[in-house]
Amino acid sequence: MTTRILTASAALAVVTAVSACEPQNPPAPGAAVPTGHYVLVGIGSDTVPQRNVGLTIESDGSISGTGPCNTYSAKQTATPPAFKLGPLITTRMACSGLAGQLENRFFAAVGQADGISYQGGVLKITGPTYLTFEPGYRKDEK
């Protein structure tokens, strides 16, 4: 009996932890993408284990976030599942090494993206290079 109680308690803790990462506003019927905070976990076929690129989707579809070195924002000019951004506005702090390479790849990919979807807890922004996000925050946020 004690083992079952401990197992049930552990399962409840896992469900609670996972649900805390879900976007704040799940998509309404017919809506394609929930607003909220996301963290980049993949770019093309490469994983991003650093979890150092954040993305926030606002209710008007605009995006903002922080890369390894710089913050960014842009207005969405298409209706999901299409994805098209206006000019990407970024800060211009120096960013070198692997962090700079990742940030440059991310900014190029999001700037060329043409589609967005949310399915099974995964946000995908597609284009010549696809971006994969999970609900949550950059490793140094929240």
C-alpha atoms as a PDB file:
ATOM      1  CA  MET A   1       0.000   0.000   0.000  1.00  0.00           C
ATOM      2  CA  THR A   2       2.809   2.422   0.902  1.00  0.00           C
ATOM      3  CA  THR A   3       4.512   1.746  -2.461  1.00  0.00           C
ATOM      4  CA  ARG A   4       1.314   2.621  -4.338  1.00  0.00           C
ATOM      5  CA  ILE A   5       0.939   5.871  -2.405  1.00  0.00           C
ATOM      6  CA  LEU A   6       4.564   6.834  -3.125  1.00  0.00           C
ATOM      7  CA  THR A   7       4.158   5.918  -6.811  1.00  0.00           C
ATOM      8  CA  ALA A   8       0.950   7.961  -7.054  1.00  0.00           C
ATOM      9  CA  SER A   9       2.637  10.902  -5.308  1.00  0.00           C
ATOM     10  CA  ALA A  10       5.603  10.741  -7.692  1.00  0.00           C
ATOM     11  CA  ALA A  11       3.282  10.584 -10.714  1.00  0.00           C
ATOM     12  CA  LEU A  12       1.337  13.604  -9.449  1.00  0.00           C
ATOM     13  CA  ALA A  13       4.599  15.551  -8.992  1.00  0.00           C
ATOM     14  CA  VAL A  14       5.646  14.784 -12.593  1.00  0.00           C
ATOM     15  CA  VAL A  15       2.244  15.825 -13.988  1.00  0.00           C
ATOM     16  CA  THR A  16       2.351  19.044 -11.951  1.00  0.00           C
ATOM     17  CA  ALA A  17       5.894  19.877 -13.128  1.00  0.00           C
ATOM     18  CA  VAL A  18       5.069  19.221 -16.780  1.00  0.00           C
ATOM     19  CA  SER A  19       1.827  21.190 -16.689  1.00  0.00           C
ATOM     20  CA  ALA A  20       3.685  24.202 -15.248  1.00  0.00           C
ATOM     21  CA  CYS A  21       5.586  24.431 -18.557  1.00  0.00           C
ATOM     22  CA  GLU A  22       2.497  24.524 -20.769  1.00  0.00           C
ATOM     23  CA  PRO A  23       1.808  27.818 -22.547  1.00  0.00           C
ATOM     24  CA  GLN A  24      -0.356  30.239 -20.580  1.00  0.00           C
ATOM     25  CA  ASN A  25      -3.128  30.358 -23.152  1.00  0.00           C
ATOM     26  CA  PRO A  26      -3.827  27.067 -24.889  1.00  0.00           C
ATOM     27  CA  PRO A  27      -5.136  27.531 -28.413  1.00  0.00           C
ATOM     28  CA  ALA A  28      -8.835  28.148 -28.792  1.00  0.00           C
ATOM     29  CA  PRO A  29     -10.676  25.891 -31.231  1.00  0.00           C
ATOM     30  CA  GLY A  30      -9.595  26.935 -34.713  1.00  0.00           C
ATOM     31  CA  ALA A  31      -6.517  28.810 -33.457  1.00  0.00           C
ATOM     32  CA  ALA A  32      -3.180  27.432 -34.528  1.00  0.00           C
ATOM     33  CA  VAL A  33      -0.696  28.548 -31.874  1.00  0.00           C
ATOM     34  CA  PRO A  34      -1.011  29.334 -28.163  1.00  0.00           C
ATOM     35  CA  THR A  35       0.568  32.490 -26.808  1.00  0.00           C
ATOM     36  CA  GLY A  36       3.205  32.224 -24.145  1.00  0.00           C
ATOM     37  CA  HIS A  37       6.846  31.472 -23.502  1.00  0.00           C
ATOM     38  CA  TYR A  38       8.908  28.918 -25.399  1.00  0.00           C
ATOM     39  CA  VAL A  39      12.512  27.756 -25.445  1.00  0.00           C
ATOM     40  CA  LEU A  40      14.436  26.664 -28.551  1.00  0.00           C
ATOM     41  CA  VAL A  41      15.365  22.967 -28.446  1.00  0.00           C
ATOM     42  CA  GLY A  42      16.198  22.357 -32.102  1.00  0.00           C
ATOM     43  CA  ILE A  43      17.386  24.186 -35.179  1.00  0.00           C
ATOM     44  CA  GLY A  44      17.237  22.149 -38.366  1.00  0.00           C
ATOM     45  CA  SER A  45      18.382  18.650 -37.459  1.00  0.00           C
ATOM     46  CA  ASP A  46      20.589  19.941 -34.607  1.00  0.00           C
ATOM     47  CA  THR A  47      19.550  19.983 -30.959  1.00  0.00           C
ATOM     48  CA  VAL A  48      20.043  23.058 -28.801  1.00  0.00           C
ATOM     49  CA  PRO A  49      20.815  21.626 -25.362  1.00  0.00           C
ATOM     50  CA  GLN A  50      21.892  25.004 -23.961  1.00  0.00           C
ATOM     51  CA  ARG A  51      18.244  26.175 -23.848  1.00  0.00           C
ATOM     52  CA  ASN A  52      19.514  29.740 -24.240  1.00  0.00           C
ATOM     53  CA  VAL A  53      17.116  31.065 -26.895  1.00  0.00           C
ATOM     54  CA  GLY A  54      13.715  32.152 -25.642  1.00  0.00           C
ATOM     55  CA  LEU A  55      10.626  33.127 -27.634  1.00  0.00           C
ATOM     56  CA  THR A  56       7.423  34.780 -26.466  1.00  0.00           C
ATOM     57  CA  ILE A  57       4.331  34.853 -28.671  1.00  0.00           C
ATOM     58  CA  GLU A  58       1.915  37.645 -27.824  1.00  0.00           C
ATOM     59  CA  SER A  59      -1.841  37.650 -28.464  1.00  0.00           C
ATOM     60  CA  ASP A  60      -1.383  39.866 -31.536  1.00  0.00           C
ATOM     61  CA  GLY A  61       1.057  37.311 -32.986  1.00  0.00           C
ATOM     62  CA  SER A  62       4.126  39.452 -32.432  1.00  0.00           C
ATOM     63  CA  ILE A  63       7.216  37.713 -31.121  1.00  0.00           C
ATOM     64  CA  SER A  64      10.016  38.736 -28.799  1.00  0.00           C
ATOM     65  CA  GLY A  65      12.744  37.026 -26.902  1.00  0.00           C
ATOM     66  CA  THR A  66      16.359  36.726 -25.987  1.00  0.00           C
ATOM     67  CA  GLY A  67      19.086  34.831 -27.788  1.00  0.00           C
ATOM     68  CA  PRO A  68      22.419  33.864 -26.275  1.00  0.00           C
ATOM     69  CA  CYS A  69      23.522  37.521 -26.445  1.00  0.00           C
ATOM     70  CA  ASN A  70      20.821  39.821 -27.839  1.00  0.00           C
ATOM     71  CA  THR A  71      17.130  40.527 -27.441  1.00  0.00           C
ATOM     72  CA  TYR A  72      14.819  40.648 -30.451  1.00  0.00           C
ATOM     73  CA  SER A  73      11.269  41.429 -31.481  1.00  0.00           C
ATOM     74  CA  ALA A  74       9.155  41.454 -34.632  1.00  0.00           C
ATOM     75  CA  LYS A  75       5.548  41.855 -35.699  1.00  0.00           C
ATOM     76  CA  GLN A  76       3.751  38.930 -37.297  1.00  0.00           C
ATOM     77  CA  THR A  77       2.315  39.879 -40.683  1.00  0.00           C
ATOM     78  CA  ALA A  78       0.592  36.584 -41.555  1.00  0.00           C
ATOM     79  CA  THR A  79      -2.176  34.517 -40.004  1.00  0.00           C
ATOM     80  CA  PRO A  80      -1.171  31.056 -38.715  1.00  0.00           C
ATOM     81  CA  PRO A  81      -0.438  28.522 -40.004  1.00  0.00           C
ATOM     82  CA  ALA A  82       1.415  30.987 -42.263  1.00  0.00           C
ATOM     83  CA  PHE A  83       4.295  32.841 -40.643  1.00  0.00           C
ATOM     84  CA  LYS A  84       5.853  36.030 -41.901  1.00  0.00           C
ATOM     85  CA  LEU A  85       7.617  38.601 -39.797  1.00  0.00           C
ATOM     86  CA  GLY A  86       8.097  42.286 -40.317  1.00  0.00           C
ATOM     87  CA  PRO A  87      11.607  43.579 -39.708  1.00  0.00           C
ATOM     88  CA  LEU A  88      13.456  41.717 -36.957  1.00  0.00           C
ATOM     89  CA  ILE A  89      14.614  44.290 -34.416  1.00  0.00           C
ATOM     90  CA  THR A  90      17.613  43.215 -32.344  1.00  0.00           C
ATOM     91  CA  THR A  91      20.059  44.697 -29.906  1.00  0.00           C
ATOM     92  CA  ARG A  92      23.622  44.691 -31.219  1.00  0.00           C
ATOM     93  CA  MET A  93      25.787  43.307 -28.456  1.00  0.00           C
ATOM     94  CA  ALA A  94      28.914  41.444 -29.537  1.00  0.00           C
ATOM     95  CA  CYS A  95      28.276  37.715 -29.737  1.00  0.00           C
ATOM     96  CA  SER A  96      31.111  35.396 -30.700  1.00  0.00           C
ATOM     97  CA  GLY A  97      31.997  31.732 -30.568  1.00  0.00           C
ATOM     98  CA  LEU A  98      29.314  29.058 -30.405  1.00  0.00           C
ATOM     99  CA  ALA A  99      26.804  31.512 -28.898  1.00  0.00           C
ATOM    100  CA  GLY A 100      27.276  33.858 -31.852  1.00  0.00           C
ATOM    101  CA  GLN A 101      26.949  31.029 -34.359  1.00  0.00           C
ATOM    102  CA  LEU A 102      23.707  29.823 -32.759  1.00  0.00           C
ATOM    103  CA  GLU A 103      22.276  33.327 -32.572  1.00  0.00           C
ATOM    104  CA  ASN A 104      23.116  34.049 -36.225  1.00  0.00           C
ATOM    105  CA  ARG A 105      21.516  30.750 -37.328  1.00  0.00           C
ATOM    106  CA  PHE A 106      18.407  31.443 -35.250  1.00  0.00           C
ATOM    107  CA  PHE A 107      17.953  35.013 -36.535  1.00  0.00           C
ATOM    108  CA  ALA A 108      18.447  33.860 -40.141  1.00  0.00           C
ATOM    109  CA  ALA A 109      15.990  30.956 -39.755  1.00  0.00           C
ATOM    110  CA  VAL A 110      13.235  32.962 -38.036  1.00  0.00           C
ATOM    111  CA  GLY A 111      13.643  35.758 -40.574  1.00  0.00           C
ATOM    112  CA  GLN A 112      13.098  33.335 -43.486  1.00  0.00           C
ATOM    113  CA  ALA A 113      10.343  31.285 -41.846  1.00  0.00           C
ATOM    114  CA  ASP A 114       7.004  30.814 -43.601  1.00  0.00           C
ATOM    115  CA  GLY A 115       4.973  28.517 -41.341  1.00  0.00           C
ATOM    116  CA  ILE A 116       4.101  27.930 -37.685  1.00  0.00           C
ATOM    117  CA  SER A 117       2.296  25.110 -35.896  1.00  0.00           C
ATOM    118  CA  TYR A 118       1.713  23.774 -32.404  1.00  0.00           C
ATOM    119  CA  GLN A 119       1.028  20.104 -31.894  1.00  0.00           C
ATOM    120  CA  GLY A 120       1.628  17.694 -29.048  1.00  0.00           C
ATOM    121  CA  GLY A 121       3.260  20.345 -26.882  1.00  0.00           C
ATOM    122  CA  VAL A 122       5.789  21.259 -29.588  1.00  0.00           C
ATOM    123  CA  LEU A 123       5.946  24.587 -31.442  1.00  0.00           C
ATOM    124  CA  LYS A 124       7.487  24.419 -34.914  1.00  0.00           C
ATOM    125  CA  ILE A 125       8.436  27.378 -37.052  1.00  0.00           C
ATOM    126  CA  THR A 126       9.159  26.160 -40.554  1.00  0.00           C
ATOM    127  CA  GLY A 127      11.006  27.500 -43.571  1.00  0.00           C
ATOM    128  CA  PRO A 128      14.303  26.682 -45.222  1.00  0.00           C
ATOM    129  CA  THR A 129      15.527  25.810 -41.698  1.00  0.00           C
ATOM    130  CA  TYR A 130      12.961  24.690 -39.147  1.00  0.00           C
ATOM    131  CA  LEU A 131      12.957  25.699 -35.492  1.00  0.00           C
ATOM    132  CA  THR A 132      11.595  23.486 -32.712  1.00  0.00           C
ATOM    133  CA  PHE A 133      10.464  24.910 -29.374  1.00  0.00           C
ATOM    134  CA  GLU A 134       9.028  23.530 -26.165  1.00  0.00           C
ATOM    135  CA  PRO A 135       6.890  25.516 -23.737  1.00  0.00           C
ATOM    136  CA  GLY A 136       9.069  27.113 -21.090  1.00  0.00           C
ATOM    137  CA  TYR A 137      11.763  29.662 -20.459  1.00  0.00           C
ATOM    138  CA  ARG A 138      15.437  30.124 -21.234  1.00  0.00           C
ATOM    139  CA  LYS A 139      17.617  28.367 -18.709  1.00  0.00           C
ATOM    140  CA  ASP A 140      18.392  31.657 -16.932  1.00  0.00           C
ATOM    141  CA  GLU A 141      14.850  33.082 -16.870  1.00  0.00           C
ATOM    142  CA  LYS A 142      11.793  32.767 -14.658  1.00  0.00           C
END
